[in-house]
Amino acid sequence: MVQNVKHLGGQRYRETFGRSFEDFQVGDVYEHRPGRTITQADNVWFTLLTMNTHPLHFDEEYAKATEFGRCLVASPLTVAIMVGMSVSDVSQKAIANLGWKEIRLTHPLFVGDTIYSESEVLEVRESKSRPDAGIVTVRTIGRNQAGVVVCTFERTILVAKRGRSVEDRIGY
């Protein structure tokens, strides 16, 4: 998490977060902390909120009869948590998410597991249409508490240049 302090005058300070486009360098890896332990309430809430009616995510008796033997965390919840974990390091100053690709769910994530994520900067380039921003592509990897990779994906983000983010413009 990038955390800076902006001096407002006298003895007053304001926390600031996020990276501007110029702060990204290909090959940098950001470890996103803290981790997140997934509860059954998280999983049930998410599956019902998104109208996912597959009982493998919320019916423990059904899940016991599957090859997994217990409830699985809904895969879109895994991706959503990993994206959320990366915001302060990767997209706090984003103008827009431009897309995700190569989402891979390589190992089941179960209720009670804790997920840890990290993102590696793959590409940094100027935007051809937005002189106030650049395009950053990262690969995010999520691991469970045993270090087993459970999910990977690439994400491309339009990120404001230094001094051009909404936060910078409104003094946020």
Protein backbone atom coordinates (compact mmCIF):
# COMPACT_ATOMS: atom_id res chain seq x y z
CA MET A 1 0.00 0.00 0.00
CA VAL A 2 1.41 3.37 -0.93
CA GLN A 3 0.86 5.71 1.94
CA ASN A 4 2.09 9.24 1.94
CA VAL A 5 1.32 12.17 4.11
CA LYS A 6 0.41 15.56 2.71
CA HIS A 7 1.29 18.50 4.94
CA LEU A 8 -1.70 20.85 5.00
CA GLY A 9 -0.07 23.55 7.13
CA GLY A 10 0.81 24.02 10.75
CA GLN A 11 0.45 20.71 12.55
CA ARG A 12 -2.21 19.30 10.18
CA TYR A 13 -1.59 16.32 7.85
CA ARG A 14 -3.70 14.17 5.55
CA GLU A 15 -3.05 10.56 4.55
CA THR A 16 -2.85 9.96 0.82
CA PHE A 17 -2.89 6.63 -1.00
CA GLY A 18 -2.19 5.20 -4.41
CA ARG A 19 0.28 5.48 -7.24
CA SER A 20 0.27 7.92 -10.11
CA PHE A 21 1.13 6.61 -13.58
CA GLU A 22 4.76 7.73 -13.23
CA ASP A 23 5.21 5.58 -10.10
CA PHE A 24 4.81 2.26 -11.94
CA GLN A 25 7.82 0.38 -13.28
CA VAL A 26 7.75 -2.90 -15.20
CA GLY A 27 8.87 -5.73 -12.93
CA ASP A 28 7.79 -4.10 -9.66
CA VAL A 29 5.84 -6.49 -7.40
CA TYR A 30 3.41 -5.19 -4.78
CA GLU A 31 2.46 -7.56 -1.96
CA HIS A 32 -1.08 -6.66 -0.89
CA ARG A 33 -1.73 -6.87 2.83
CA PRO A 34 -3.57 -7.63 4.99
CA GLY A 35 -4.80 -11.02 3.85
CA ARG A 36 -8.50 -11.87 3.95
CA THR A 37 -10.06 -14.91 5.60
CA ILE A 38 -13.25 -15.92 3.80
CA THR A 39 -16.20 -16.76 6.04
CA GLN A 40 -19.32 -18.73 5.20
CA ALA A 41 -21.32 -15.52 5.67
CA ASP A 42 -19.14 -13.78 3.02
CA ASN A 43 -19.68 -16.64 0.61
CA VAL A 44 -23.43 -16.99 1.17
CA TRP A 45 -23.97 -13.23 1.01
CA PHE A 46 -22.01 -12.94 -2.25
CA THR A 47 -23.66 -15.91 -3.95
CA LEU A 48 -27.14 -14.75 -3.05
CA LEU A 49 -26.42 -11.10 -3.88
CA THR A 50 -25.23 -12.13 -7.34
CA MET A 51 -28.09 -14.64 -7.76
CA ASN A 52 -25.67 -17.56 -8.01
CA THR A 53 -27.91 -20.47 -7.11
CA HIS A 54 -25.31 -23.24 -7.26
CA PRO A 55 -25.63 -25.07 -3.92
CA LEU A 56 -21.90 -25.89 -3.83
CA HIS A 57 -21.39 -22.39 -2.41
CA PHE A 58 -24.02 -22.33 0.35
CA ASP A 59 -25.49 -25.78 1.02
CA GLU A 60 -23.07 -27.67 3.26
CA GLU A 61 -24.90 -31.01 2.90
CA TYR A 62 -24.81 -30.74 -0.89
CA ALA A 63 -21.12 -29.73 -0.79
CA LYS A 64 -20.27 -32.76 1.38
CA ALA A 65 -21.46 -35.03 -1.46
CA THR A 66 -19.13 -33.42 -4.02
CA GLU A 67 -15.50 -34.24 -4.74
CA PHE A 68 -14.56 -31.22 -2.60
CA GLY A 69 -16.43 -32.41 0.49
CA ARG A 70 -17.20 -28.87 1.63
CA CYS A 71 -18.42 -25.50 0.35
CA LEU A 72 -16.32 -23.72 -2.24
CA VAL A 73 -15.85 -19.96 -2.26
CA ALA A 74 -17.62 -18.57 -5.33
CA SER A 75 -14.95 -17.82 -7.92
CA PRO A 76 -16.18 -14.27 -8.67
CA LEU A 77 -15.82 -13.53 -4.95
CA THR A 78 -12.20 -14.70 -5.09
CA VAL A 79 -11.50 -12.35 -8.02
CA ALA A 80 -13.38 -9.47 -6.36
CA ILE A 81 -11.41 -9.80 -3.12
CA MET A 82 -8.10 -9.97 -5.00
CA VAL A 83 -8.99 -6.83 -6.96
CA GLY A 84 -10.06 -5.09 -3.76
CA MET A 85 -6.82 -6.05 -2.04
CA SER A 86 -4.85 -4.46 -4.88
CA VAL A 87 -6.62 -1.10 -5.00
CA SER A 88 -4.33 0.86 -2.67
CA ASP A 89 -1.24 -0.38 -4.53
CA VAL A 90 -2.49 -0.50 -8.12
CA SER A 91 -5.69 1.39 -8.85
CA GLN A 92 -6.34 3.97 -6.12
CA LYS A 93 -5.71 6.72 -8.69
CA ALA A 94 -7.31 4.86 -11.59
CA ILE A 95 -9.64 6.64 -13.96
CA ALA A 96 -11.04 3.34 -15.23
CA ASN A 97 -10.52 -0.40 -15.31
CA LEU A 98 -10.02 -1.28 -18.96
CA GLY A 99 -10.28 -5.04 -18.67
CA TRP A 100 -9.33 -8.36 -17.15
CA LYS A 101 -8.00 -11.34 -19.05
CA GLU A 102 -6.48 -14.74 -18.49
CA ILE A 103 -8.42 -15.33 -15.27
CA ARG A 104 -7.33 -18.73 -14.00
CA LEU A 105 -8.76 -20.53 -10.98
CA THR A 106 -5.97 -23.01 -10.31
CA HIS A 107 -6.95 -24.44 -6.92
CA PRO A 108 -10.19 -24.37 -4.93
CA LEU A 109 -10.62 -21.75 -2.25
CA PHE A 110 -12.66 -22.93 0.71
CA VAL A 111 -14.60 -21.18 3.43
CA GLY A 112 -12.09 -20.57 6.24
CA ASP A 113 -9.14 -20.11 3.86
CA THR A 114 -7.15 -16.89 3.95
CA ILE A 115 -6.15 -15.31 0.66
CA TYR A 116 -3.02 -13.22 0.11
CA SER A 117 -2.37 -11.42 -3.16
CA GLU A 118 0.41 -9.69 -5.03
CA SER A 119 0.58 -7.83 -8.33
CA GLU A 120 3.48 -7.56 -10.77
CA VAL A 121 3.65 -4.67 -13.24
CA LEU A 122 3.81 -6.16 -16.75
CA GLU A 123 3.44 -3.10 -18.96
CA VAL A 124 3.41 0.68 -18.58
CA ARG A 125 2.64 2.93 -21.54
CA GLU A 126 1.37 6.37 -22.34
CA SER A 127 -2.29 6.65 -23.33
CA LYS A 128 -2.68 7.66 -26.98
CA SER A 129 -6.01 9.37 -26.33
CA ARG A 130 -5.59 10.73 -22.78
CA PRO A 131 -2.57 13.00 -22.20
CA ASP A 132 -3.44 13.14 -18.47
CA ALA A 133 -3.11 9.36 -18.02
CA GLY A 134 -1.25 6.19 -18.87
CA ILE A 135 -2.10 2.53 -19.16
CA VAL A 136 -0.76 -0.01 -16.65
CA THR A 137 -1.12 -3.79 -16.92
CA VAL A 138 -0.52 -6.01 -13.91
CA ARG A 139 -0.67 -9.74 -13.20
CA THR A 140 -2.27 -10.49 -9.85
CA ILE A 141 -1.69 -13.78 -8.06
CA GLY A 142 -3.74 -15.00 -5.10
CA ARG A 143 -2.45 -17.67 -2.72
CA ASN A 144 -4.10 -19.40 0.19
CA GLN A 145 -2.59 -19.59 3.67
CA ALA A 146 -0.46 -22.58 2.59
CA GLY A 147 1.04 -20.60 -0.29
CA VAL A 148 -0.89 -22.51 -2.96
CA VAL A 149 -1.88 -20.36 -5.96
CA VAL A 150 -5.68 -20.24 -6.15
CA CYS A 151 -6.22 -17.58 -8.82
CA THR A 152 -4.30 -15.45 -11.32
CA PHE A 153 -5.40 -12.76 -13.74
CA GLU A 154 -4.15 -9.79 -15.74
CA ARG A 155 -5.79 -6.41 -15.31
CA THR A 156 -5.34 -3.26 -17.38
CA ILE A 157 -6.04 0.12 -15.80
CA LEU A 158 -6.09 3.71 -17.01
CA VAL A 159 -4.15 5.59 -14.30
CA ALA A 160 -3.92 9.35 -13.83
CA LYS A 161 -0.57 11.05 -14.16
CA ARG A 162 0.90 12.87 -11.18
CA GLY A 163 -1.14 15.92 -10.27
CA ARG A 164 -4.03 14.89 -12.57
CA SER A 165 -6.06 12.47 -10.42
CA VAL A 166 -9.38 13.50 -8.93
CA GLU A 167 -7.72 13.33 -5.51
CA ASP A 168 -5.04 15.75 -6.66
CA ARG A 169 -7.52 18.13 -8.32
CA ILE A 170 -9.90 18.41 -5.37
CA GLY A 171 -7.29 18.20 -2.61
CA TYR A 172 -8.70 14.91 -1.34
